[in-house]
N, C-alpha and C. Protein backbone atom coordinates (compact mmCIF):
# COMPACT_ATOMS: atom_id res chain seq x y z
N UNK A 1 29.78 4.72 -43.68
CA UNK A 1 30.16 5.55 -42.56
C UNK A 1 30.73 4.67 -41.45
N UNK A 2 31.81 5.11 -40.83
CA UNK A 2 32.45 4.34 -39.78
C UNK A 2 31.68 4.45 -38.48
N UNK A 3 31.65 3.36 -37.73
CA UNK A 3 30.94 3.33 -36.45
C UNK A 3 31.87 3.80 -35.35
N UNK A 4 31.36 4.65 -34.49
CA UNK A 4 32.12 5.15 -33.35
C UNK A 4 32.09 4.11 -32.24
N UNK A 5 33.23 3.87 -31.63
CA UNK A 5 33.33 2.96 -30.50
C UNK A 5 32.78 3.67 -29.27
N UNK A 6 31.77 3.09 -28.64
CA UNK A 6 31.15 3.71 -27.48
C UNK A 6 31.58 3.01 -26.20
N UNK A 7 31.22 3.61 -25.08
CA UNK A 7 31.52 3.01 -23.78
C UNK A 7 30.83 1.64 -23.67
N UNK A 8 29.61 1.54 -24.18
CA UNK A 8 28.89 0.26 -24.16
C UNK A 8 29.62 -0.79 -24.99
N UNK A 9 30.22 -0.39 -26.11
CA UNK A 9 31.00 -1.32 -26.94
C UNK A 9 32.23 -1.82 -26.18
N UNK A 10 32.86 -0.93 -25.45
CA UNK A 10 34.04 -1.31 -24.66
C UNK A 10 33.65 -2.29 -23.58
N UNK A 11 32.54 -2.00 -22.88
CA UNK A 11 32.05 -2.91 -21.84
C UNK A 11 31.75 -4.27 -22.44
N UNK A 12 31.08 -4.30 -23.57
CA UNK A 12 30.72 -5.56 -24.22
C UNK A 12 31.96 -6.36 -24.63
N UNK A 13 32.96 -5.68 -25.18
CA UNK A 13 34.19 -6.36 -25.61
C UNK A 13 34.93 -6.97 -24.43
N UNK A 14 35.01 -6.24 -23.33
CA UNK A 14 35.67 -6.77 -22.13
C UNK A 14 34.86 -7.91 -21.55
N UNK A 15 33.55 -7.76 -21.52
CA UNK A 15 32.66 -8.81 -21.00
C UNK A 15 32.86 -10.13 -21.75
N UNK A 16 32.95 -10.04 -23.07
CA UNK A 16 33.11 -11.24 -23.89
C UNK A 16 34.46 -11.92 -23.69
N UNK A 17 35.48 -11.16 -23.28
CA UNK A 17 36.83 -11.71 -23.10
C UNK A 17 37.12 -12.17 -21.68
N UNK A 18 36.24 -11.86 -20.73
CA UNK A 18 36.48 -12.21 -19.34
C UNK A 18 35.34 -13.04 -18.79
N UNK A 19 35.52 -13.53 -17.58
CA UNK A 19 34.46 -14.30 -16.93
C UNK A 19 33.68 -13.44 -15.93
N UNK A 20 33.83 -12.14 -16.01
CA UNK A 20 33.10 -11.21 -15.14
C UNK A 20 31.71 -10.94 -15.71
N UNK A 21 30.79 -10.55 -14.83
CA UNK A 21 29.46 -10.22 -15.35
C UNK A 21 29.48 -8.78 -15.88
N UNK A 22 28.47 -8.47 -16.68
CA UNK A 22 28.41 -7.19 -17.38
C UNK A 22 28.39 -6.00 -16.41
N UNK A 23 27.71 -6.13 -15.30
CA UNK A 23 27.62 -5.03 -14.33
C UNK A 23 28.99 -4.72 -13.73
N UNK A 24 29.74 -5.78 -13.38
CA UNK A 24 31.08 -5.58 -12.83
C UNK A 24 31.99 -4.91 -13.85
N UNK A 25 31.92 -5.35 -15.09
CA UNK A 25 32.75 -4.76 -16.16
C UNK A 25 32.38 -3.30 -16.35
N UNK A 26 31.09 -3.00 -16.36
CA UNK A 26 30.65 -1.60 -16.52
C UNK A 26 31.17 -0.74 -15.37
N UNK A 27 31.12 -1.26 -14.15
CA UNK A 27 31.61 -0.51 -12.99
C UNK A 27 33.11 -0.25 -13.09
N UNK A 28 33.86 -1.23 -13.57
CA UNK A 28 35.31 -1.05 -13.73
C UNK A 28 35.60 0.01 -14.79
N UNK A 29 34.90 -0.04 -15.91
CA UNK A 29 35.09 0.95 -16.97
C UNK A 29 34.73 2.35 -16.46
N UNK A 30 33.62 2.46 -15.74
CA UNK A 30 33.21 3.75 -15.17
C UNK A 30 34.27 4.27 -14.20
N UNK A 31 34.80 3.40 -13.35
CA UNK A 31 35.83 3.80 -12.39
C UNK A 31 37.09 4.26 -13.10
N UNK A 32 37.50 3.54 -14.15
CA UNK A 32 38.67 3.93 -14.93
C UNK A 32 38.48 5.32 -15.53
N UNK A 33 37.31 5.57 -16.10
CA UNK A 33 37.05 6.88 -16.69
C UNK A 33 37.02 7.98 -15.63
N UNK A 34 36.48 7.67 -14.45
CA UNK A 34 36.48 8.64 -13.35
C UNK A 34 37.90 8.98 -12.92
N UNK A 35 38.76 7.96 -12.83
CA UNK A 35 40.16 8.18 -12.47
C UNK A 35 40.84 9.06 -13.51
N UNK A 36 40.57 8.79 -14.79
CA UNK A 36 41.17 9.57 -15.86
C UNK A 36 40.70 11.02 -15.80
N UNK A 37 39.39 11.23 -15.62
CA UNK A 37 38.85 12.59 -15.55
C UNK A 37 39.43 13.36 -14.37
N UNK A 38 39.52 12.70 -13.23
CA UNK A 38 40.07 13.35 -12.04
C UNK A 38 41.52 13.74 -12.25
N UNK A 39 42.30 12.84 -12.85
CA UNK A 39 43.71 13.13 -13.10
C UNK A 39 43.88 14.31 -14.04
N UNK A 40 43.06 14.37 -15.08
CA UNK A 40 43.16 15.47 -16.03
C UNK A 40 42.75 16.79 -15.38
N UNK A 41 41.69 16.76 -14.58
CA UNK A 41 41.24 17.98 -13.89
C UNK A 41 42.28 18.46 -12.88
N UNK A 42 42.89 17.53 -12.17
CA UNK A 42 43.83 17.87 -11.11
C UNK A 42 45.22 18.20 -11.66
N UNK A 43 45.76 17.30 -12.45
CA UNK A 43 47.15 17.43 -12.92
C UNK A 43 47.25 18.08 -14.29
N UNK A 44 46.15 18.15 -14.98
CA UNK A 44 46.10 18.72 -16.32
C UNK A 44 46.80 17.87 -17.38
N UNK A 45 47.20 16.64 -17.04
CA UNK A 45 47.82 15.76 -18.03
C UNK A 45 47.59 14.31 -17.62
N UNK A 46 47.46 13.45 -18.62
CA UNK A 46 47.31 12.02 -18.40
C UNK A 46 48.07 11.30 -19.50
N UNK A 47 49.09 10.55 -19.11
CA UNK A 47 49.93 9.83 -20.07
C UNK A 47 49.61 8.35 -20.00
N UNK A 48 49.28 7.75 -21.15
CA UNK A 48 49.09 6.32 -21.25
C UNK A 48 50.15 5.82 -22.22
N UNK A 49 51.17 5.16 -21.69
CA UNK A 49 52.31 4.72 -22.50
C UNK A 49 51.84 3.86 -23.66
N UNK A 50 52.39 4.12 -24.82
CA UNK A 50 52.05 3.37 -26.02
C UNK A 50 50.75 3.80 -26.67
N UNK A 51 50.06 4.75 -26.06
CA UNK A 51 48.78 5.22 -26.61
C UNK A 51 48.83 6.72 -26.89
N UNK A 52 49.05 7.52 -25.83
CA UNK A 52 49.12 8.95 -26.05
C UNK A 52 49.00 9.73 -24.76
N UNK A 53 48.90 11.04 -24.90
CA UNK A 53 48.84 11.93 -23.75
C UNK A 53 47.67 12.90 -23.91
N UNK A 54 46.83 12.96 -22.87
CA UNK A 54 45.75 13.91 -22.79
C UNK A 54 46.26 15.10 -21.99
N UNK A 55 46.09 16.30 -22.50
CA UNK A 55 46.54 17.49 -21.80
C UNK A 55 45.43 18.53 -21.78
N UNK A 56 45.37 19.26 -20.69
CA UNK A 56 44.41 20.34 -20.52
C UNK A 56 45.19 21.62 -20.26
N UNK A 57 44.84 22.68 -20.97
CA UNK A 57 45.53 23.94 -20.72
C UNK A 57 44.53 25.09 -20.78
N UNK A 58 44.93 26.21 -20.20
CA UNK A 58 44.08 27.40 -20.17
C UNK A 58 44.25 28.18 -21.46
N UNK A 59 43.13 28.60 -22.00
CA UNK A 59 43.14 29.45 -23.19
C UNK A 59 42.67 30.83 -22.73
N UNK A 60 43.41 31.85 -23.07
CA UNK A 60 43.11 33.22 -22.64
C UNK A 60 41.84 33.73 -23.30
N UNK A 61 41.28 34.76 -22.70
CA UNK A 61 40.11 35.38 -23.33
C UNK A 61 40.56 36.02 -24.64
N UNK A 62 39.61 36.13 -25.56
CA UNK A 62 39.96 36.70 -26.86
C UNK A 62 38.77 37.44 -27.43
N UNK A 63 39.05 38.23 -28.45
CA UNK A 63 37.97 38.96 -29.10
C UNK A 63 37.33 38.06 -30.15
N UNK A 64 36.02 38.16 -30.23
CA UNK A 64 35.27 37.40 -31.23
C UNK A 64 34.26 38.32 -31.88
N UNK A 65 33.49 37.73 -32.78
CA UNK A 65 32.50 38.53 -33.50
C UNK A 65 31.22 37.73 -33.63
N UNK A 66 30.10 38.36 -33.33
CA UNK A 66 28.80 37.74 -33.54
C UNK A 66 28.49 37.85 -35.03
N UNK A 67 28.42 36.72 -35.75
CA UNK A 67 28.23 36.78 -37.21
C UNK A 67 26.87 37.35 -37.64
N UNK A 68 25.88 37.30 -36.77
CA UNK A 68 24.56 37.82 -37.13
C UNK A 68 24.49 39.34 -37.03
N UNK A 69 25.16 39.89 -36.01
CA UNK A 69 25.07 41.34 -35.80
C UNK A 69 26.37 42.07 -36.12
N UNK A 70 27.43 41.34 -36.37
CA UNK A 70 28.76 41.89 -36.62
C UNK A 70 29.31 42.61 -35.38
N UNK A 71 28.71 42.36 -34.23
CA UNK A 71 29.13 42.98 -32.98
C UNK A 71 30.40 42.29 -32.46
N UNK A 72 31.36 43.09 -32.01
CA UNK A 72 32.58 42.55 -31.41
C UNK A 72 32.29 42.19 -29.95
N UNK A 73 32.67 40.98 -29.58
CA UNK A 73 32.46 40.52 -28.21
C UNK A 73 33.76 39.95 -27.66
N UNK A 74 33.85 39.86 -26.35
CA UNK A 74 35.02 39.25 -25.71
C UNK A 74 34.62 37.86 -25.24
N UNK A 75 35.29 36.85 -25.76
CA UNK A 75 35.04 35.48 -25.35
C UNK A 75 35.81 35.21 -24.06
N UNK A 76 35.18 34.59 -23.08
CA UNK A 76 35.84 34.37 -21.78
C UNK A 76 36.95 33.33 -21.86
N UNK A 77 37.87 33.35 -20.89
CA UNK A 77 38.91 32.32 -20.86
C UNK A 77 38.27 30.95 -20.63
N UNK A 78 38.94 29.90 -21.10
CA UNK A 78 38.39 28.56 -20.95
C UNK A 78 39.51 27.53 -20.94
N UNK A 79 39.18 26.33 -20.55
CA UNK A 79 40.13 25.23 -20.58
C UNK A 79 39.93 24.45 -21.87
N UNK A 80 41.03 23.99 -22.46
CA UNK A 80 40.99 23.27 -23.72
C UNK A 80 41.69 21.93 -23.52
N UNK A 81 41.13 20.89 -24.09
CA UNK A 81 41.68 19.54 -23.98
C UNK A 81 42.27 19.13 -25.32
N UNK A 82 43.48 18.59 -25.29
CA UNK A 82 44.12 18.09 -26.51
C UNK A 82 44.61 16.67 -26.26
N UNK A 83 44.73 15.90 -27.35
CA UNK A 83 45.27 14.55 -27.27
C UNK A 83 46.39 14.44 -28.27
N UNK A 84 47.52 13.90 -27.82
CA UNK A 84 48.67 13.69 -28.70
C UNK A 84 49.01 12.21 -28.71
N UNK A 85 49.05 11.64 -29.90
CA UNK A 85 49.42 10.23 -30.04
C UNK A 85 50.86 9.99 -29.62
N UNK A 86 51.11 8.80 -29.08
CA UNK A 86 52.50 8.44 -28.79
C UNK A 86 53.19 8.12 -30.11
N UNK A 87 54.50 8.19 -30.11
CA UNK A 87 55.25 7.87 -31.33
C UNK A 87 55.00 6.44 -31.77
N UNK A 88 54.93 5.54 -30.80
CA UNK A 88 54.71 4.12 -31.10
C UNK A 88 53.36 3.93 -31.79
N UNK A 89 52.31 4.50 -31.23
CA UNK A 89 50.98 4.36 -31.81
C UNK A 89 50.91 5.03 -33.18
N UNK A 90 51.54 6.19 -33.31
CA UNK A 90 51.56 6.90 -34.59
C UNK A 90 52.23 6.05 -35.66
N UNK A 91 53.32 5.38 -35.30
CA UNK A 91 54.01 4.53 -36.29
C UNK A 91 53.18 3.29 -36.64
N UNK A 92 52.34 2.83 -35.72
CA UNK A 92 51.44 1.72 -36.03
C UNK A 92 50.33 2.17 -36.99
N UNK A 93 49.87 3.39 -36.83
CA UNK A 93 48.82 3.92 -37.73
C UNK A 93 49.38 4.23 -39.11
N UNK A 94 50.62 4.69 -39.15
CA UNK A 94 51.25 5.08 -40.41
C UNK A 94 52.56 4.29 -40.59
N UNK A 95 52.43 3.04 -41.03
CA UNK A 95 53.66 2.22 -41.13
C UNK A 95 54.63 2.71 -42.19
C-alpha cells in the first residue's frame, strides 16, 4: 500500500534541506496553507504554475434518496472543490 504524504512529511523534508529549525518550517508550511485556503475561499480558484489549479464552485440543490427508507429528500446546495493538473505536470506523469 502506498504511503500518503502528510503535512508532517512535508515539514520534515523541508527541515532536512534547509538550515531552519523544525518549528520555523512548520510555521511557514502552516502559513502557506492558510494563504491557499483563504485564496480558494475568497477567489474560488488557486493556480500554481507547473502543478495545477484548485477551483471551488457552487453545486445546486438536488433530489436524493434515503437508501434505508426509500424516501425522496432534497439535498442542500454546497460548494465543491476540484483539482486539475497542469499540462506540464500531466505530461510528466504520463510521458
